[in-house]
Protein backbone atom coordinates (compact mmCIF):
# COMPACT_ATOMS: atom_id res chain seq x y z
CA MET A 1 -31.56 -166.88 49.04
CA ASP A 2 -33.15 -169.49 46.72
CA PHE A 3 -35.17 -167.62 44.07
CA GLU A 4 -36.17 -170.78 42.22
CA LEU A 5 -39.88 -171.60 42.34
CA SER A 6 -40.93 -174.95 43.75
CA GLU A 7 -42.85 -177.45 41.68
CA GLU A 8 -46.17 -176.29 43.22
CA GLN A 9 -45.32 -172.62 42.80
CA THR A 10 -44.40 -173.37 39.07
CA MET A 11 -47.79 -175.07 38.57
CA LEU A 12 -49.47 -172.04 40.11
CA LYS A 13 -47.67 -169.63 37.88
CA ASP A 14 -48.60 -171.76 34.75
CA SER A 15 -52.29 -171.78 35.62
CA LEU A 16 -52.31 -168.04 36.24
CA ASP A 17 -50.32 -167.25 33.07
CA ARG A 18 -52.80 -169.50 31.09
CA PHE A 19 -55.72 -167.51 32.64
CA VAL A 20 -54.20 -164.16 31.55
CA ARG A 21 -53.55 -165.42 28.00
CA GLU A 22 -57.12 -166.65 27.61
CA ASN A 23 -58.98 -163.94 29.39
CA TYR A 24 -57.01 -160.69 29.24
CA GLU A 25 -56.10 -159.97 25.69
CA PRO A 26 -56.35 -156.22 25.13
CA ALA A 27 -59.69 -156.20 23.45
CA LYS A 28 -61.29 -158.20 26.28
CA ARG A 29 -59.69 -156.01 28.90
CA ARG A 30 -60.93 -152.93 27.28
CA ALA A 31 -64.43 -154.31 27.27
CA LEU A 32 -64.20 -154.85 30.96
CA VAL A 33 -62.89 -151.44 31.72
CA ASP A 34 -65.82 -150.02 29.75
CA SER A 35 -68.44 -152.09 31.56
CA ASN A 36 -70.52 -150.89 34.48
CA LEU A 37 -68.85 -153.26 36.95
CA GLY A 38 -65.25 -152.71 35.83
CA TYR A 39 -64.36 -156.39 36.01
CA SER A 40 -65.76 -159.83 35.32
CA LYS A 41 -67.91 -161.77 37.75
CA GLU A 42 -67.16 -164.86 35.74
CA ASN A 43 -63.48 -164.33 36.27
CA TRP A 44 -64.09 -163.87 39.99
CA ALA A 45 -66.10 -167.11 40.14
CA LEU A 46 -63.09 -168.78 38.39
CA PHE A 47 -60.68 -167.32 40.95
CA ALA A 48 -62.75 -169.04 43.68
CA GLU A 49 -62.89 -172.31 41.71
CA MET A 50 -59.14 -172.35 41.20
CA GLY A 51 -58.53 -171.64 44.93
CA TRP A 52 -56.86 -168.36 44.30
CA LEU A 53 -59.16 -166.51 46.69
CA GLY A 54 -58.18 -168.82 49.48
CA LEU A 55 -54.48 -168.84 48.64
CA PRO A 56 -53.13 -166.42 51.34
CA PHE A 57 -55.33 -167.59 54.19
CA SER A 58 -54.33 -170.25 56.74
CA GLU A 59 -55.87 -173.71 56.67
CA ASP A 60 -57.60 -172.87 60.03
CA SER A 61 -59.36 -170.06 58.17
CA GLY A 62 -60.44 -172.34 55.32
CA GLY A 63 -57.69 -171.30 53.06
CA PHE A 64 -54.75 -173.04 51.47
CA GLY A 65 -51.79 -171.72 53.74
CA GLY A 66 -50.01 -169.87 50.95
CA SER A 67 -47.11 -167.71 51.93
CA PRO A 68 -46.35 -164.19 50.63
CA VAL A 69 -44.13 -165.87 48.06
CA GLU A 70 -47.19 -167.63 46.52
CA THR A 71 -49.07 -164.32 46.68
CA SER A 72 -46.15 -162.74 44.87
CA VAL A 73 -46.30 -165.30 42.04
CA LEU A 74 -50.05 -164.61 41.67
CA MET A 75 -49.74 -160.85 41.68
CA GLU A 76 -46.83 -160.86 39.18
CA SER A 77 -49.07 -162.79 36.75
CA PHE A 78 -51.97 -160.37 37.41
CA GLY A 79 -49.58 -157.49 36.74
CA ALA A 80 -48.53 -158.94 33.38
CA GLY A 81 -52.19 -159.18 32.34
CA LEU A 82 -53.41 -155.83 33.99
CA VAL A 83 -56.02 -157.90 35.80
CA LEU A 84 -58.95 -155.83 37.04
CA GLU A 85 -60.65 -158.01 39.52
CA PRO A 86 -60.65 -156.69 43.14
CA TYR A 87 -58.25 -159.20 44.52
CA LEU A 88 -56.10 -156.62 46.39
CA SER A 89 -59.07 -154.96 48.13
CA THR A 90 -61.14 -158.06 48.96
CA VAL A 91 -58.49 -160.69 49.72
CA LEU A 92 -55.09 -159.11 50.56
CA LEU A 93 -56.33 -156.16 52.48
CA CYS A 94 -59.87 -156.80 54.02
CA GLY A 95 -59.65 -160.57 54.09
CA LYS A 96 -56.17 -160.58 55.79
CA LEU A 97 -57.44 -157.86 58.27
CA ILE A 98 -60.36 -160.05 59.25
CA GLU A 99 -58.13 -163.14 59.62
CA ALA A 100 -55.63 -161.18 61.70
CA ALA A 101 -57.97 -159.15 64.00
CA GLY A 102 -61.48 -160.42 63.58
CA SER A 103 -63.40 -162.32 66.30
CA GLU A 104 -64.20 -166.02 65.82
CA THR A 105 -67.75 -164.97 64.72
CA GLN A 106 -66.45 -162.44 62.10
CA ARG A 107 -63.88 -164.86 60.70
CA SER A 108 -66.39 -167.76 60.45
CA GLU A 109 -69.07 -165.55 58.85
CA ILE A 110 -67.01 -163.65 56.40
CA LEU A 111 -63.89 -165.53 55.37
CA PRO A 112 -65.66 -168.60 53.94
CA ALA A 113 -67.85 -166.28 51.84
CA VAL A 114 -64.69 -164.39 50.62
CA ILE A 115 -62.83 -167.63 49.80
CA GLY A 116 -66.00 -168.96 47.99
CA GLY A 117 -66.26 -165.77 45.89
CA GLU A 118 -69.65 -164.89 47.42
CA MET A 119 -68.61 -161.68 49.23
CA LEU A 120 -66.60 -158.61 48.23
CA LEU A 121 -64.94 -156.17 50.63
CA ALA A 122 -63.33 -152.78 50.41
CA LEU A 123 -60.97 -151.00 52.74
CA ALA A 124 -61.93 -147.32 53.43
CA LEU A 125 -58.56 -145.95 54.65
CA SER A 126 -57.48 -142.70 52.91
CA GLU A 127 -58.87 -139.34 53.85
CA PRO A 128 -58.51 -135.89 52.16
CA ARG A 129 -55.57 -134.86 54.37
CA SER A 130 -54.07 -138.28 55.34
CA ARG A 131 -51.61 -138.57 52.43
CA PHE A 132 -49.87 -141.91 53.17
CA ASN A 133 -49.91 -141.68 56.99
CA LEU A 134 -51.99 -144.50 58.37
CA ALA A 135 -52.27 -142.63 61.77
CA ASN A 136 -53.66 -139.47 60.16
CA VAL A 137 -57.32 -140.41 60.74
CA GLU A 138 -60.00 -137.69 61.36
CA THR A 139 -63.06 -139.95 60.81
CA VAL A 140 -64.56 -140.37 64.32
CA ALA A 141 -66.41 -143.26 65.85
CA ALA A 142 -68.18 -142.03 68.94
CA SER A 143 -69.46 -144.52 71.52
CA SER A 144 -73.28 -144.66 71.85
CA THR A 145 -75.87 -146.79 73.55
CA ASP A 146 -76.26 -148.80 70.31
CA GLY A 147 -72.59 -149.20 69.63
CA PHE A 148 -70.77 -146.52 67.72
CA VAL A 149 -71.71 -143.53 65.49
CA ILE A 150 -69.24 -142.97 62.59
CA THR A 151 -68.81 -139.53 61.02
CA GLY A 152 -66.24 -138.50 58.47
CA ARG A 153 -64.95 -138.85 54.81
CA LYS A 154 -62.91 -141.49 53.03
CA THR A 155 -61.34 -140.98 49.53
CA VAL A 156 -60.17 -143.35 46.76
CA VAL A 157 -61.74 -146.47 48.25
CA SER A 158 -60.88 -149.13 45.76
CA HIS A 159 -63.93 -151.18 44.47
CA ALA A 160 -66.24 -149.70 47.10
CA ALA A 161 -69.24 -149.68 44.66
CA SER A 162 -69.18 -153.49 44.29
CA ALA A 163 -68.36 -154.33 47.94
CA ASP A 164 -70.87 -156.03 50.18
CA LYS A 165 -69.00 -154.70 53.31
CA LEU A 166 -66.53 -151.98 54.05
CA ILE A 167 -63.82 -151.91 56.68
CA VAL A 168 -63.48 -148.33 57.94
CA SER A 169 -60.63 -146.88 59.93
CA CYS A 170 -61.86 -144.50 62.58
CA ARG A 171 -60.54 -142.56 65.53
CA THR A 172 -61.99 -143.58 68.83
CA SER A 173 -59.52 -141.61 70.98
CA GLY A 174 -56.39 -139.43 70.80
CA ALA A 175 -55.31 -136.67 68.42
CA ALA A 176 -55.54 -136.74 64.62
CA GLN A 177 -52.01 -138.32 64.02
CA ASP A 178 -51.66 -140.49 67.07
CA GLN A 179 -51.09 -144.18 66.29
CA SER A 180 -53.07 -145.15 69.40
CA GLY A 181 -56.77 -144.60 69.33
CA ILE A 182 -57.38 -146.01 65.84
CA SER A 183 -60.12 -148.64 65.50
CA LEU A 184 -61.50 -150.66 62.53
CA PHE A 185 -65.16 -151.23 61.89
CA LEU A 186 -67.13 -153.45 59.58
CA VAL A 187 -69.81 -151.35 57.83
CA ASP A 188 -72.55 -152.80 55.54
CA GLN A 189 -72.78 -151.27 52.11
CA ASN A 190 -76.46 -150.23 52.38
CA VAL A 191 -76.35 -148.77 55.91
CA SER A 192 -78.18 -145.52 56.61
CA GLY A 193 -75.96 -142.44 56.54
CA LEU A 194 -73.42 -143.73 53.99
CA SER A 195 -73.21 -141.96 50.62
CA ARG A 196 -70.86 -142.75 47.82
CA LYS A 197 -69.39 -141.03 44.70
CA ASP A 198 -68.10 -143.62 42.22
CA TYR A 199 -65.59 -142.98 39.46
CA ARG A 200 -62.99 -144.56 37.26
CA THR A 201 -59.32 -144.10 38.05
CA LEU A 202 -56.53 -143.27 35.65
CA ASP A 203 -55.63 -146.95 35.16
CA GLY A 204 -59.22 -148.14 34.49
CA GLN A 205 -59.88 -149.41 37.98
CA ARG A 206 -62.98 -148.44 40.09
CA ALA A 207 -62.94 -146.27 43.25
CA SER A 208 -65.29 -144.21 45.35
CA ASP A 209 -65.26 -141.28 47.83
CA LEU A 210 -67.39 -141.94 50.86
CA GLU A 211 -69.28 -139.70 53.20
CA LEU A 212 -70.31 -141.11 56.57
CA ALA A 213 -72.89 -138.96 58.16
CA GLY A 214 -73.84 -140.46 61.53
CA VAL A 215 -73.50 -144.08 60.45
CA THR A 216 -74.57 -146.28 63.33
CA VAL A 217 -72.90 -149.76 63.83
CA GLY A 218 -73.22 -152.22 66.75
CA GLU A 219 -70.45 -153.22 69.07
CA ASP A 220 -70.12 -156.45 67.08
CA ALA A 221 -68.79 -154.30 64.12
CA LEU A 222 -65.64 -153.56 65.89
CA LEU A 223 -62.74 -155.37 64.29
CA GLY A 224 -59.96 -156.23 66.78
CA GLU A 225 -59.30 -154.29 69.94
CA LEU A 226 -60.70 -150.78 70.48
CA GLY A 227 -58.02 -148.27 69.75
CA GLY A 228 -55.49 -150.93 68.64
CA GLY A 229 -56.10 -150.97 64.87
CA HIS A 230 -52.89 -149.20 63.83
CA ALA A 231 -50.43 -152.15 64.34
CA VAL A 232 -52.58 -154.73 62.54
CA LEU A 233 -53.36 -152.22 59.79
CA GLU A 234 -49.67 -151.51 59.25
CA ALA A 235 -48.76 -155.15 59.10
CA VAL A 236 -51.42 -155.97 56.51
CA ILE A 237 -50.67 -152.93 54.43
CA ASP A 238 -46.96 -153.87 54.43
CA GLN A 239 -47.80 -157.28 53.15
CA ALA A 240 -50.10 -155.86 50.48
CA THR A 241 -47.34 -153.39 49.52
CA CYS A 242 -44.96 -156.25 48.79
CA ALA A 243 -47.70 -157.90 46.80
CA ILE A 244 -48.22 -154.86 44.51
CA CYS A 245 -44.40 -154.64 44.12
CA ALA A 246 -44.73 -158.10 42.49
CA GLU A 247 -47.64 -156.82 40.34
CA ALA A 248 -45.48 -153.91 39.13
CA VAL A 249 -42.75 -156.38 38.21
CA GLY A 250 -45.14 -158.39 36.10
CA ALA A 251 -46.23 -155.22 34.43
CA MET A 252 -42.66 -154.12 33.77
CA GLN A 253 -41.78 -157.49 32.19
CA ALA A 254 -44.76 -157.17 29.90
CA VAL A 255 -43.74 -153.59 28.88
CA ASN A 256 -40.28 -154.99 28.06
CA GLU A 257 -41.68 -157.76 25.93
CA ILE A 258 -44.11 -155.53 24.08
CA THR A 259 -41.34 -152.80 23.43
CA MET A 260 -38.81 -155.41 22.35
CA GLU A 261 -41.27 -156.82 19.83
CA TYR A 262 -42.12 -153.32 18.56
CA VAL A 263 -38.55 -152.08 17.98
CA LYS A 264 -37.86 -155.28 16.08
CA THR A 265 -40.60 -154.70 13.64
CA ARG A 266 -40.89 -150.85 13.43
CA GLN A 267 -39.03 -149.84 10.25
CA GLN A 268 -37.34 -146.50 9.84
CA PHE A 269 -34.95 -145.59 7.01
CA GLY A 270 -35.18 -149.18 5.68
CA ALA A 271 -34.19 -150.91 8.92
CA PRO A 272 -35.76 -151.83 12.30
CA ILE A 273 -35.33 -149.13 14.85
CA GLY A 274 -34.12 -151.82 17.26
CA SER A 275 -30.94 -152.13 15.24
CA ASN A 276 -29.87 -148.56 16.44
CA GLN A 277 -27.20 -148.85 19.06
CA VAL A 278 -28.81 -146.19 21.31
CA ILE A 279 -32.08 -148.18 21.23
CA LYS A 280 -30.28 -151.41 22.15
CA HIS A 281 -28.74 -149.65 25.12
CA ARG A 282 -32.07 -148.25 26.25
CA ILE A 283 -33.71 -151.74 25.94
CA ALA A 284 -30.89 -153.23 28.05
CA ASP A 285 -31.40 -150.53 30.68
CA MET A 286 -35.12 -151.40 30.82
CA HIS A 287 -34.47 -155.06 31.28
CA ILE A 288 -31.86 -154.39 33.98
CA ALA A 289 -34.36 -152.22 35.94
CA ALA A 290 -37.03 -154.89 35.73
CA GLU A 291 -34.68 -157.66 36.93
CA GLN A 292 -33.41 -155.54 39.84
CA SER A 293 -36.99 -154.95 40.76
CA LYS A 294 -37.74 -158.58 40.51
CA SER A 295 -34.95 -159.38 42.94
CA MET A 296 -36.18 -156.76 45.36
CA ALA A 297 -39.77 -157.94 45.19
CA ASP A 298 -38.73 -161.60 45.67
CA MET A 299 -36.55 -160.61 48.73
CA ALA A 300 -39.45 -158.66 50.24
CA ALA A 301 -41.85 -161.61 49.78
CA MET A 302 -39.51 -163.95 51.54
CA ARG A 303 -38.85 -161.64 54.57
CA VAL A 304 -42.11 -159.66 55.02
CA ASP A 305 -43.35 -162.25 57.58
CA GLY A 306 -40.45 -161.43 59.78
CA PRO A 307 -40.30 -159.17 62.84
CA PRO A 308 -41.93 -155.80 62.53
CA GLU A 309 -38.76 -153.74 62.12
CA GLU A 310 -37.50 -156.10 59.38
CA ARG A 311 -40.86 -156.10 57.74
CA ARG A 312 -40.97 -152.23 57.54
CA LEU A 313 -37.43 -152.16 56.17
CA VAL A 314 -37.85 -154.70 53.38
CA THR A 315 -41.27 -153.23 52.44
CA SER A 316 -39.93 -149.63 52.10
CA ALA A 317 -36.76 -150.77 50.40
CA ALA A 318 -38.73 -152.74 47.76
CA LYS A 319 -41.40 -150.17 47.20
CA SER A 320 -38.96 -147.31 46.66
CA LYS A 321 -36.76 -149.45 44.26
CA VAL A 322 -39.71 -150.82 42.37
CA GLY A 323 -41.36 -147.41 42.05
CA GLU A 324 -38.25 -145.84 40.52
CA ALA A 325 -37.80 -148.67 38.09
CA ALA A 326 -41.49 -148.66 37.16
CA ARG A 327 -41.39 -144.98 36.26
CA PHE A 328 -38.35 -145.55 34.09
CA VAL A 329 -39.46 -148.65 32.38
CA GLY A 330 -42.93 -147.19 31.70
CA GLU A 331 -41.66 -143.88 30.33
CA GLN A 332 -39.16 -145.60 28.06
CA GLY A 333 -41.72 -147.99 26.78
CA ILE A 334 -43.95 -144.95 25.84
CA GLN A 335 -41.12 -143.08 24.29
CA LEU A 336 -39.86 -145.99 22.17
CA HIS A 337 -43.28 -146.42 20.72
CA GLY A 338 -43.45 -142.80 19.70
CA GLY A 339 -46.91 -141.24 19.03
CA ILE A 340 -48.78 -144.59 19.04
CA GLY A 341 -47.74 -145.12 22.67
CA MET A 342 -49.80 -142.08 23.69
CA THR A 343 -53.05 -143.47 22.17
CA ASP A 344 -55.71 -145.22 24.21
CA GLU A 345 -56.09 -147.91 21.66
CA TYR A 346 -52.48 -149.25 22.08
CA VAL A 347 -51.80 -151.34 25.13
CA ILE A 348 -48.42 -149.82 26.20
CA GLY A 349 -50.15 -146.76 27.60
CA HIS A 350 -52.37 -148.84 29.85
CA TYR A 351 -49.31 -150.51 31.37
CA TYR A 352 -47.81 -147.10 32.06
CA LYS A 353 -50.91 -145.79 33.70
CA ARG A 354 -51.09 -148.90 35.94
CA LEU A 355 -47.42 -148.59 36.88
CA MET A 356 -47.83 -144.97 37.76
CA SER A 357 -50.97 -145.82 39.88
CA ILE A 358 -49.10 -148.56 41.79
CA ASP A 359 -46.43 -145.98 42.75
CA THR A 360 -49.13 -144.05 44.67
CA VAL A 361 -50.69 -146.94 46.42
CA PHE A 362 -49.57 -147.31 50.10
CA GLY A 363 -46.88 -144.64 49.67
CA ASN A 364 -44.80 -143.35 46.74
CA VAL A 365 -41.09 -143.44 46.25
CA ASP A 366 -40.36 -140.38 48.36
CA PHE A 367 -42.58 -141.56 51.24
CA HIS A 368 -40.75 -145.00 51.38
CA LEU A 369 -37.33 -143.56 51.05
CA ARG A 370 -38.06 -141.28 53.94
CA ARG A 371 -39.55 -144.15 55.99
CA TYR A 372 -36.52 -146.32 55.33
CA SER A 373 -34.02 -143.58 56.18
CA GLU A 374 -35.91 -142.79 59.50
CA MET A 375 -35.63 -146.51 60.45
CA THR A 376 -31.97 -146.81 59.65
């Protein structure tokens, strides 16, 4: 495989890295984390102006026809800067679901607003007992004369508080863990019967728990085929999983750079601690883990658009390998910084928290190892 970036991809990476340098120094990021919104509207408008919001969408949808490789380049830079804007939830999850399964009306009404930075979306997927099983859906959408009535609970819905619309996975037929019978619905944020509990996650992001108590939506709210939501949901989730693997790679690379600089300057017994042979070996192991993860994430980005079986294999292989490496690199970065690494004021701890959060998104290491073994 050719792992070298093209000229266009290199230009994209340069612009992203420049954005991170200018807008995501630790003090600015901390201010965004502490704000009510949790991210910057000005940054989001800049994303639209730079074309990043339209990057993964086809030209027919009004986007720029970027492949998962370009998305990987973007997410790697976002990971290096611990970017807070809701790119994953709005663009890579909900936007891609609408592009893949939406009607012509839904695509024409929503995608231009997303690409223009005028609309935010959130995916209400997880439930209290669902764990990482996309088919474990207990939220029910019952047919009615006006369309559908949705009843149930959703948990850890990323950036739900700032979303204009939600995409909610519901069961319209079958038992709780059947893959058939799952449907997706577009739900307005201010609809009657929807209540929300907002909170900040461990890594400084925003999330909400939702209660849907008899939420009524019309038939035009159905996204895709009735009862056929699992397949398209799995495909989009796998693509997003490969994207956050790239984000983790960017974060690991940043951890290695920060830690390397620290051990070069931290003096103990009259010499930098980085001159100790044990520390040198540990730094080398951290770099090896990050480089192996980079190779796995790049491979996944190149092959995730393949047939379903190949997509599932490369996604689980990459997520399990990247998850193991992320824990190792993050823990070693904290340990080599000593006590200062545990303080909220120092940046290394924020990288560790984000890496641990990424491990639990769309399935942790154990889940994807089991998924991979079942397929092979």
